[in-house]
Amino acid sequence: MSESLTTSLPDVPYATPRLSSPREHLVRAADHLWRVQDRREHVLGHLRVVPDPLGLRYRAERLHLATGVFRVIGEFWRVDDAVAALRYS
């Protein structure tokens, strides 16, 4: 009997979340990451989709340029709440 190799399935990118407000729009940066930009194309922060046992969570993050790491602003159940946190923080 031959040995079969098991390989993991590739990550499937999530569809771009829909925002209810026209003030901002999302630009894909990675499979699970988007830049949140305002009407003037200024980057407000980043939105990351995080799988949770109860559903998808939306994490609002900002890139700290000095250290090159993302800082979490908050994690939300609704994409609009995550974008609002970036807008008003």
PDB file of N, CA and C in Angstrom:
ATOM      1  N   MET A   1       0.838  -1.181   0.000  1.00  0.00           N
ATOM      2  CA  MET A   1       0.000   0.000   0.000  1.00  0.00           C
ATOM      3  C   MET A   1       0.885   1.246   0.000  1.00  0.00           C
ATOM      4  N   SER A   2       0.596   2.185  -0.840  1.00  0.00           N
ATOM      5  CA  SER A   2       1.426   3.381  -0.912  1.00  0.00           C
ATOM      6  C   SER A   2       0.987   4.405   0.133  1.00  0.00           C
ATOM      7  N   GLU A   3       1.958   5.161   0.533  1.00  0.00           N
ATOM      8  CA  GLU A   3       1.701   6.196   1.531  1.00  0.00           C
ATOM      9  C   GLU A   3       1.152   7.442   0.827  1.00  0.00           C
ATOM     10  N   SER A   4       0.072   7.987   1.320  1.00  0.00           N
ATOM     11  CA  SER A   4      -0.464   9.194   0.706  1.00  0.00           C
ATOM     12  C   SER A   4      -0.052  10.406   1.544  1.00  0.00           C
ATOM     13  N   LEU A   5       0.285  11.459   0.855  1.00  0.00           N
ATOM     14  CA  LEU A   5       0.689  12.687   1.525  1.00  0.00           C
ATOM     15  C   LEU A   5      -0.525  13.587   1.703  1.00  0.00           C
ATOM     16  N   THR A   6      -0.646  14.128   2.875  1.00  0.00           N
ATOM     17  CA  THR A   6      -1.737  15.052   3.156  1.00  0.00           C
ATOM     18  C   THR A   6      -1.176  16.469   3.121  1.00  0.00           C
ATOM     19  N   THR A   7      -1.770  17.303   2.330  1.00  0.00           N
ATOM     20  CA  THR A   7      -1.352  18.698   2.272  1.00  0.00           C
ATOM     21  C   THR A   7      -2.488  19.560   2.783  1.00  0.00           C
ATOM     22  N   SER A   8      -2.130  20.679   3.363  1.00  0.00           N
ATOM     23  CA  SER A   8      -3.168  21.586   3.856  1.00  0.00           C
ATOM     24  C   SER A   8      -3.730  22.398   2.697  1.00  0.00           C
ATOM     25  N   LEU A   9      -4.952  22.773   2.824  1.00  0.00           N
ATOM     26  CA  LEU A   9      -5.605  23.581   1.806  1.00  0.00           C
ATOM     27  C   LEU A   9      -5.091  25.012   1.887  1.00  0.00           C
ATOM     28  N   PRO A  10      -4.992  25.702   0.775  1.00  0.00           N
ATOM     29  CA  PRO A  10      -4.538  27.100   0.814  1.00  0.00           C
ATOM     30  C   PRO A  10      -5.601  27.992   1.457  1.00  0.00           C
ATOM     31  N   ASP A  11      -5.138  29.079   2.047  1.00  0.00           N
ATOM     32  CA  ASP A  11      -6.074  30.055   2.608  1.00  0.00           C
ATOM     33  C   ASP A  11      -6.868  30.690   1.474  1.00  0.00           C
ATOM     34  N   VAL A  12      -8.150  30.784   1.671  1.00  0.00           N
ATOM     35  CA  VAL A  12      -9.020  31.424   0.687  1.00  0.00           C
ATOM     36  C   VAL A  12      -9.258  32.852   1.148  1.00  0.00           C
ATOM     37  N   PRO A  13      -8.954  33.837   0.303  1.00  0.00           N
ATOM     38  CA  PRO A  13      -9.164  35.218   0.731  1.00  0.00           C
ATOM     39  C   PRO A  13     -10.652  35.522   0.931  1.00  0.00           C
ATOM     40  N   TYR A  14     -10.932  36.300   1.947  1.00  0.00           N
ATOM     41  CA  TYR A  14     -12.308  36.718   2.205  1.00  0.00           C
ATOM     42  C   TYR A  14     -12.727  37.777   1.193  1.00  0.00           C
ATOM     43  N   ALA A  15     -14.007  37.843   0.926  1.00  0.00           N
ATOM     44  CA  ALA A  15     -14.543  38.903   0.072  1.00  0.00           C
ATOM     45  C   ALA A  15     -14.433  40.228   0.813  1.00  0.00           C
ATOM     46  N   THR A  16     -14.303  41.292   0.067  1.00  0.00           N
ATOM     47  CA  THR A  16     -14.200  42.620   0.677  1.00  0.00           C
ATOM     48  C   THR A  16     -15.502  42.954   1.401  1.00  0.00           C
ATOM     49  N   PRO A  17     -15.417  43.297   2.691  1.00  0.00           N
ATOM     50  CA  PRO A  17     -16.636  43.654   3.428  1.00  0.00           C
ATOM     51  C   PRO A  17     -17.290  44.904   2.836  1.00  0.00           C
ATOM     52  N   ARG A  18     -18.606  44.975   2.950  1.00  0.00           N
ATOM     53  CA  ARG A  18     -19.343  46.138   2.446  1.00  0.00           C
ATOM     54  C   ARG A  18     -19.548  47.133   3.581  1.00  0.00           C
ATOM     55  N   LEU A  19     -19.251  48.386   3.296  1.00  0.00           N
ATOM     56  CA  LEU A  19     -19.443  49.463   4.267  1.00  0.00           C
ATOM     57  C   LEU A  19     -20.765  50.161   3.985  1.00  0.00           C
ATOM     58  N   SER A  20     -21.450  50.572   5.046  1.00  0.00           N
ATOM     59  CA  SER A  20     -22.725  51.262   4.849  1.00  0.00           C
ATOM     60  C   SER A  20     -22.530  52.756   4.604  1.00  0.00           C
ATOM     61  N   SER A  21     -21.381  53.292   4.976  1.00  0.00           N
ATOM     62  CA  SER A  21     -21.105  54.718   4.799  1.00  0.00           C
ATOM     63  C   SER A  21     -20.240  54.945   3.567  1.00  0.00           C
ATOM     64  N   PRO A  22     -20.547  55.965   2.771  1.00  0.00           N
ATOM     65  CA  PRO A  22     -19.699  56.275   1.612  1.00  0.00           C
ATOM     66  C   PRO A  22     -18.459  57.094   1.982  1.00  0.00           C
ATOM     67  N   ARG A  23     -18.289  57.419   3.271  1.00  0.00           N
ATOM     68  CA  ARG A  23     -17.157  58.254   3.698  1.00  0.00           C
ATOM     69  C   ARG A  23     -15.806  57.571   3.527  1.00  0.00           C
ATOM     70  N   GLU A  24     -15.792  56.232   3.672  1.00  0.00           N
ATOM     71  CA  GLU A  24     -14.549  55.482   3.556  1.00  0.00           C
ATOM     72  C   GLU A  24     -14.724  54.357   2.551  1.00  0.00           C
ATOM     73  N   HIS A  25     -13.604  53.846   2.072  1.00  0.00           N
ATOM     74  CA  HIS A  25     -13.626  52.669   1.217  1.00  0.00           C
ATOM     75  C   HIS A  25     -12.441  51.786   1.583  1.00  0.00           C
ATOM     76  N   LEU A  26     -12.506  50.525   1.165  1.00  0.00           N
ATOM     77  CA  LEU A  26     -11.489  49.541   1.518  1.00  0.00           C
ATOM     78  C   LEU A  26     -10.658  49.183   0.286  1.00  0.00           C
ATOM     79  N   VAL A  27      -9.362  49.062   0.497  1.00  0.00           N
ATOM     80  CA  VAL A  27      -8.435  48.654  -0.547  1.00  0.00           C
ATOM     81  C   VAL A  27      -7.688  47.434  -0.021  1.00  0.00           C
ATOM     82  N   ARG A  28      -7.780  46.333  -0.742  1.00  0.00           N
ATOM     83  CA  ARG A  28      -7.150  45.090  -0.270  1.00  0.00           C
ATOM     84  C   ARG A  28      -5.637  45.260  -0.156  1.00  0.00           C
ATOM     85  N   ALA A  29      -5.101  44.817   1.000  1.00  0.00           N
ATOM     86  CA  ALA A  29      -3.662  44.841   1.235  1.00  0.00           C
ATOM     87  C   ALA A  29      -3.096  43.425   1.334  1.00  0.00           C
ATOM     88  N   ALA A  30      -3.927  42.465   1.720  1.00  0.00           N
ATOM     89  CA  ALA A  30      -3.531  41.059   1.833  1.00  0.00           C
ATOM     90  C   ALA A  30      -4.814  40.216   1.825  1.00  0.00           C
ATOM     91  N   ASP A  31      -4.671  38.891   1.978  1.00  0.00           N
ATOM     92  CA  ASP A  31      -5.840  38.014   1.927  1.00  0.00           C
ATOM     93  C   ASP A  31      -6.917  38.382   2.944  1.00  0.00           C
ATOM     94  N   HIS A  32      -6.503  38.768   4.138  1.00  0.00           N
ATOM     95  CA  HIS A  32      -7.449  39.057   5.224  1.00  0.00           C
ATOM     96  C   HIS A  32      -7.304  40.481   5.755  1.00  0.00           C
ATOM     97  N   LEU A  33      -6.700  41.368   4.948  1.00  0.00           N
ATOM     98  CA  LEU A  33      -6.364  42.717   5.413  1.00  0.00           C
ATOM     99  C   LEU A  33      -6.712  43.753   4.351  1.00  0.00           C
ATOM    100  N   TRP A  34      -7.317  44.864   4.790  1.00  0.00           N
ATOM    101  CA  TRP A  34      -7.656  45.974   3.903  1.00  0.00           C
ATOM    102  C   TRP A  34      -7.182  47.281   4.511  1.00  0.00           C
ATOM    103  N   ARG A  35      -6.813  48.233   3.643  1.00  0.00           N
ATOM    104  CA  ARG A  35      -6.558  49.601   4.075  1.00  0.00           C
ATOM    105  C   ARG A  35      -7.887  50.337   4.090  1.00  0.00           C
ATOM    106  N   VAL A  36      -8.124  51.106   5.127  1.00  0.00           N
ATOM    107  CA  VAL A  36      -9.328  51.940   5.207  1.00  0.00           C
ATOM    108  C   VAL A  36      -8.906  53.337   4.793  1.00  0.00           C
ATOM    109  N   GLN A  37      -9.488  53.834   3.686  1.00  0.00           N
ATOM    110  CA  GLN A  37      -9.136  55.151   3.171  1.00  0.00           C
ATOM    111  C   GLN A  37     -10.363  56.045   3.146  1.00  0.00           C
ATOM    112  N   ASP A  38     -10.117  57.340   3.382  1.00  0.00           N
ATOM    113  CA  ASP A  38     -11.217  58.302   3.305  1.00  0.00           C
ATOM    114  C   ASP A  38     -11.351  58.788   1.867  1.00  0.00           C
ATOM    115  N   ARG A  39     -12.225  59.768   1.653  1.00  0.00           N
ATOM    116  CA  ARG A  39     -12.487  60.263   0.298  1.00  0.00           C
ATOM    117  C   ARG A  39     -11.270  60.896  -0.351  1.00  0.00           C
ATOM    118  N   ARG A  40     -10.367  61.429   0.484  1.00  0.00           N
ATOM    119  CA  ARG A  40      -9.150  62.064  -0.045  1.00  0.00           C
ATOM    120  C   ARG A  40      -8.008  61.064  -0.211  1.00  0.00           C
ATOM    121  N   GLU A  41      -8.311  59.761  -0.055  1.00  0.00           N
ATOM    122  CA  GLU A  41      -7.341  58.675  -0.194  1.00  0.00           C
ATOM    123  C   GLU A  41      -6.332  58.618   0.949  1.00  0.00           C
ATOM    124  N   HIS A  42      -6.597  59.308   2.064  1.00  0.00           N
ATOM    125  CA  HIS A  42      -5.742  59.189   3.248  1.00  0.00           C
ATOM    126  C   HIS A  42      -6.053  57.880   3.947  1.00  0.00           C
ATOM    127  N   VAL A  43      -5.014  57.174   4.361  1.00  0.00           N
ATOM    128  CA  VAL A  43      -5.191  55.906   5.061  1.00  0.00           C
ATOM    129  C   VAL A  43      -5.510  56.189   6.526  1.00  0.00           C
ATOM    130  N   LEU A  44      -6.675  55.717   6.972  1.00  0.00           N
ATOM    131  CA  LEU A  44      -7.089  55.886   8.366  1.00  0.00           C
ATOM    132  C   LEU A  44      -6.539  54.770   9.243  1.00  0.00           C
ATOM    133  N   GLY A  45      -6.314  53.617   8.654  1.00  0.00           N
ATOM    134  CA  GLY A  45      -5.843  52.454   9.393  1.00  0.00           C
ATOM    135  C   GLY A  45      -6.084  51.209   8.553  1.00  0.00           C
ATOM    136  N   HIS A  46      -6.100  50.074   9.221  1.00  0.00           N
ATOM    137  CA  HIS A  46      -6.292  48.802   8.535  1.00  0.00           C
ATOM    138  C   HIS A  46      -7.427  48.015   9.177  1.00  0.00           C
ATOM    139  N   LEU A  47      -8.074  47.208   8.363  1.00  0.00           N
ATOM    140  CA  LEU A  47      -9.155  46.346   8.821  1.00  0.00           C
ATOM    141  C   LEU A  47      -8.740  44.907   8.533  1.00  0.00           C
ATOM    142  N   ARG A  48      -8.749  44.078   9.564  1.00  0.00           N
ATOM    143  CA  ARG A  48      -8.366  42.676   9.420  1.00  0.00           C
ATOM    144  C   ARG A  48      -9.564  41.801   9.783  1.00  0.00           C
ATOM    145  N   VAL A  49      -9.844  40.801   8.953  1.00  0.00           N
ATOM    146  CA  VAL A  49     -10.898  39.827   9.253  1.00  0.00           C
ATOM    147  C   VAL A  49     -10.269  38.722  10.080  1.00  0.00           C
ATOM    148  N   VAL A  50     -10.894  38.442  11.237  1.00  0.00           N
ATOM    149  CA  VAL A  50     -10.382  37.432  12.161  1.00  0.00           C
ATOM    150  C   VAL A  50     -11.472  36.388  12.392  1.00  0.00           C
ATOM    151  N   PRO A  51     -11.215  35.113  12.049  1.00  0.00           N
ATOM    152  CA  PRO A  51     -12.227  34.083  12.315  1.00  0.00           C
ATOM    153  C   PRO A  51     -12.377  33.846  13.810  1.00  0.00           C
ATOM    154  N   ASP A  52     -13.607  33.646  14.231  1.00  0.00           N
ATOM    155  CA  ASP A  52     -13.946  33.417  15.633  1.00  0.00           C
ATOM    156  C   ASP A  52     -14.926  32.238  15.658  1.00  0.00           C
ATOM    157  N   PRO A  53     -14.947  31.452  16.713  1.00  0.00           N
ATOM    158  CA  PRO A  53     -15.907  30.342  16.758  1.00  0.00           C
ATOM    159  C   PRO A  53     -17.364  30.781  16.574  1.00  0.00           C
ATOM    160  N   LEU A  54     -17.667  32.030  16.898  1.00  0.00           N
ATOM    161  CA  LEU A  54     -19.045  32.528  16.779  1.00  0.00           C
ATOM    162  C   LEU A  54     -19.308  33.282  15.476  1.00  0.00           C
ATOM    163  N   GLY A  55     -18.291  33.428  14.646  1.00  0.00           N
ATOM    164  CA  GLY A  55     -18.458  34.158  13.392  1.00  0.00           C
ATOM    165  C   GLY A  55     -17.210  34.952  13.076  1.00  0.00           C
ATOM    166  N   LEU A  56     -17.329  35.884  12.142  1.00  0.00           N
ATOM    167  CA  LEU A  56     -16.190  36.716  11.769  1.00  0.00           C
ATOM    168  C   LEU A  56     -16.136  37.961  12.638  1.00  0.00           C
ATOM    169  N   ARG A  57     -14.922  38.321  13.037  1.00  0.00           N
ATOM    170  CA  ARG A  57     -14.685  39.554  13.786  1.00  0.00           C
ATOM    171  C   ARG A  57     -13.893  40.491  12.877  1.00  0.00           C
ATOM    172  N   TYR A  58     -14.041  41.779  13.103  1.00  0.00           N
ATOM    173  CA  TYR A  58     -13.338  42.794  12.335  1.00  0.00           C
ATOM    174  C   TYR A  58     -12.432  43.562  13.279  1.00  0.00           C
ATOM    175  N   ARG A  59     -11.130  43.484  13.027  1.00  0.00           N
ATOM    176  CA  ARG A  59     -10.147  44.120  13.909  1.00  0.00           C
ATOM    177  C   ARG A  59      -9.645  45.405  13.257  1.00  0.00           C
ATOM    178  N   ALA A  60      -9.789  46.521  13.961  1.00  0.00           N
ATOM    179  CA  ALA A  60      -9.265  47.806  13.513  1.00  0.00           C
ATOM    180  C   ALA A  60      -7.837  47.928  14.028  1.00  0.00           C
ATOM    181  N   GLU A  61      -6.914  48.238  13.111  1.00  0.00           N
ATOM    182  CA  GLU A  61      -5.497  48.311  13.468  1.00  0.00           C
ATOM    183  C   GLU A  61      -4.863  49.545  12.836  1.00  0.00           C
ATOM    184  N   ARG A  62      -3.767  49.981  13.454  1.00  0.00           N
ATOM    185  CA  ARG A  62      -2.944  51.037  12.871  1.00  0.00           C
ATOM    186  C   ARG A  62      -1.511  50.567  12.846  1.00  0.00           C
ATOM    187  N   LEU A  63      -0.824  50.880  11.769  1.00  0.00           N
ATOM    188  CA  LEU A  63       0.578  50.519  11.642  1.00  0.00           C
ATOM    189  C   LEU A  63       1.422  51.551  12.377  1.00  0.00           C
ATOM    190  N   HIS A  64       2.245  51.082  13.299  1.00  0.00           N
ATOM    191  CA  HIS A  64       3.174  51.948  14.013  1.00  0.00           C
ATOM    192  C   HIS A  64       4.485  51.921  13.234  1.00  0.00           C
ATOM    193  N   LEU A  65       4.784  53.023  12.547  1.00  0.00           N
ATOM    194  CA  LEU A  65       5.917  53.043  11.622  1.00  0.00           C
ATOM    195  C   LEU A  65       7.260  52.835  12.310  1.00  0.00           C
ATOM    196  N   ALA A  66       7.432  53.354  13.510  1.00  0.00           N
ATOM    197  CA  ALA A  66       8.723  53.242  14.197  1.00  0.00           C
ATOM    198  C   ALA A  66       9.096  51.793  14.492  1.00  0.00           C
ATOM    199  N   THR A  67       8.098  50.968  14.819  1.00  0.00           N
ATOM    200  CA  THR A  67       8.374  49.570  15.157  1.00  0.00           C
ATOM    201  C   THR A  67       7.997  48.607  14.035  1.00  0.00           C
ATOM    202  N   GLY A  68       7.173  49.058  13.092  1.00  0.00           N
ATOM    203  CA  GLY A  68       6.748  48.202  11.993  1.00  0.00           C
ATOM    204  C   GLY A  68       5.722  47.153  12.376  1.00  0.00           C
ATOM    205  N   VAL A  69       5.018  47.366  13.490  1.00  0.00           N
ATOM    206  CA  VAL A  69       3.997  46.407  13.926  1.00  0.00           C
ATOM    207  C   VAL A  69       2.630  47.094  13.933  1.00  0.00           C
ATOM    208  N   PHE A  70       1.596  46.268  13.793  1.00  0.00           N
ATOM    209  CA  PHE A  70       0.231  46.785  13.867  1.00  0.00           C
ATOM    210  C   PHE A  70      -0.187  46.894  15.325  1.00  0.00           C
ATOM    211  N   ARG A  71      -0.836  47.993  15.659  1.00  0.00           N
ATOM    212  CA  ARG A  71      -1.405  48.174  16.998  1.00  0.00           C
ATOM    213  C   ARG A  71      -2.913  48.054  16.895  1.00  0.00           C
ATOM    214  N   VAL A  72      -3.482  47.218  17.745  1.00  0.00           N
ATOM    215  CA  VAL A  72      -4.923  46.955  17.704  1.00  0.00           C
ATOM    216  C   VAL A  72      -5.674  48.119  18.335  1.00  0.00           C
ATOM    217  N   ILE A  73      -6.635  48.655  17.605  1.00  0.00           N
ATOM    218  CA  ILE A  73      -7.521  49.707  18.116  1.00  0.00           C
ATOM    219  C   ILE A  73      -8.724  49.057  18.791  1.00  0.00           C
ATOM    220  N   GLY A  74      -9.231  47.986  18.203  1.00  0.00           N
ATOM    221  CA  GLY A  74     -10.365  47.262  18.780  1.00  0.00           C
ATOM    222  C   GLY A  74     -10.793  46.135  17.864  1.00  0.00           C
ATOM    223  N   GLU A  75     -11.620  45.241  18.412  1.00  0.00           N
ATOM    224  CA  GLU A  75     -12.157  44.121  17.639  1.00  0.00           C
ATOM    225  C   GLU A  75     -13.678  44.162  17.742  1.00  0.00           C
ATOM    226  N   PHE A  76     -14.354  44.041  16.605  1.00  0.00           N
ATOM    227  CA  PHE A  76     -15.787  44.296  16.534  1.00  0.00           C
ATOM    228  C   PHE A  76     -16.501  43.201  15.747  1.00  0.00           C
ATOM    229  N   TRP A  77     -17.800  43.067  16.000  1.00  0.00           N
ATOM    230  CA  TRP A  77     -18.640  42.135  15.246  1.00  0.00           C
ATOM    231  C   TRP A  77     -19.096  42.744  13.929  1.00  0.00           C
ATOM    232  N   ARG A  78     -19.186  44.072  13.875  1.00  0.00           N
ATOM    233  CA  ARG A  78     -19.668  44.743  12.661  1.00  0.00           C
ATOM    234  C   ARG A  78     -18.535  45.525  12.012  1.00  0.00           C
ATOM    235  N   VAL A  79     -18.419  45.416  10.701  1.00  0.00           N
ATOM    236  CA  VAL A  79     -17.358  46.111   9.973  1.00  0.00           C
ATOM    237  C   VAL A  79     -17.490  47.625  10.127  1.00  0.00           C
ATOM    238  N   ASP A  80     -18.718  48.138  10.159  1.00  0.00           N
ATOM    239  CA  ASP A  80     -18.916  49.582  10.294  1.00  0.00           C
ATOM    240  C   ASP A  80     -18.434  50.095  11.641  1.00  0.00           C
ATOM    241  N   ASP A  81     -18.544  49.301  12.690  1.00  0.00           N
ATOM    242  CA  ASP A  81     -18.046  49.707  14.000  1.00  0.00           C
ATOM    243  C   ASP A  81     -16.520  49.782  14.009  1.00  0.00           C
ATOM    244  N   ALA A  82     -15.873  48.842  13.326  1.00  0.00           N
ATOM    245  CA  ALA A  82     -14.413  48.860  13.245  1.00  0.00           C
ATOM    246  C   ALA A  82     -13.922  50.087  12.476  1.00  0.00           C
ATOM    247  N   VAL A  83     -14.591  50.417  11.375  1.00  0.00           N
ATOM    248  CA  VAL A  83     -14.211  51.585  10.586  1.00  0.00           C
ATOM    249  C   VAL A  83     -14.474  52.869  11.372  1.00  0.00           C
ATOM    250  N   ALA A  84     -15.581  52.919  12.114  1.00  0.00           N
ATOM    251  CA  ALA A  84     -15.867  54.104  12.939  1.00  0.00           C
ATOM    252  C   ALA A  84     -14.794  54.295  14.006  1.00  0.00           C
ATOM    253  N   ALA A  85     -14.285  53.202  14.569  1.00  0.00           N
ATOM    254  CA  ALA A  85     -13.216  53.318  15.564  1.00  0.00           C
ATOM    255  C   ALA A  85     -11.973  53.941  14.946  1.00  0.00           C
ATOM    256  N   LEU A  86     -11.668  53.598  13.703  1.00  0.00           N
ATOM    257  CA  LEU A  86     -10.525  54.217  13.028  1.00  0.00           C
ATOM    258  C   LEU A  86     -10.811  55.671  12.675  1.00  0.00           C
ATOM    259  N   ARG A  87     -12.039  55.961  12.294  1.00  0.00           N
ATOM    260  CA  ARG A  87     -12.418  57.314  11.915  1.00  0.00           C
ATOM    261  C   ARG A  87     -12.306  58.286  13.092  1.00  0.00           C
ATOM    262  N   TYR A  88     -12.757  57.854  14.265  1.00  0.00           N
ATOM    263  CA  TYR A  88     -12.845  58.773  15.402  1.00  0.00           C
ATOM    264  C   TYR A  88     -11.706  58.635  16.404  1.00  0.00           C
ATOM    265  N   SER A  89     -10.738  57.766  16.147  1.00  0.00           N
ATOM    266  CA  SER A  89      -9.632  57.643  17.119  1.00  0.00           C
ATOM    267  C   SER A  89      -8.387  58.359  16.625  1.00  0.00           C
TER     268      SER A  89
END
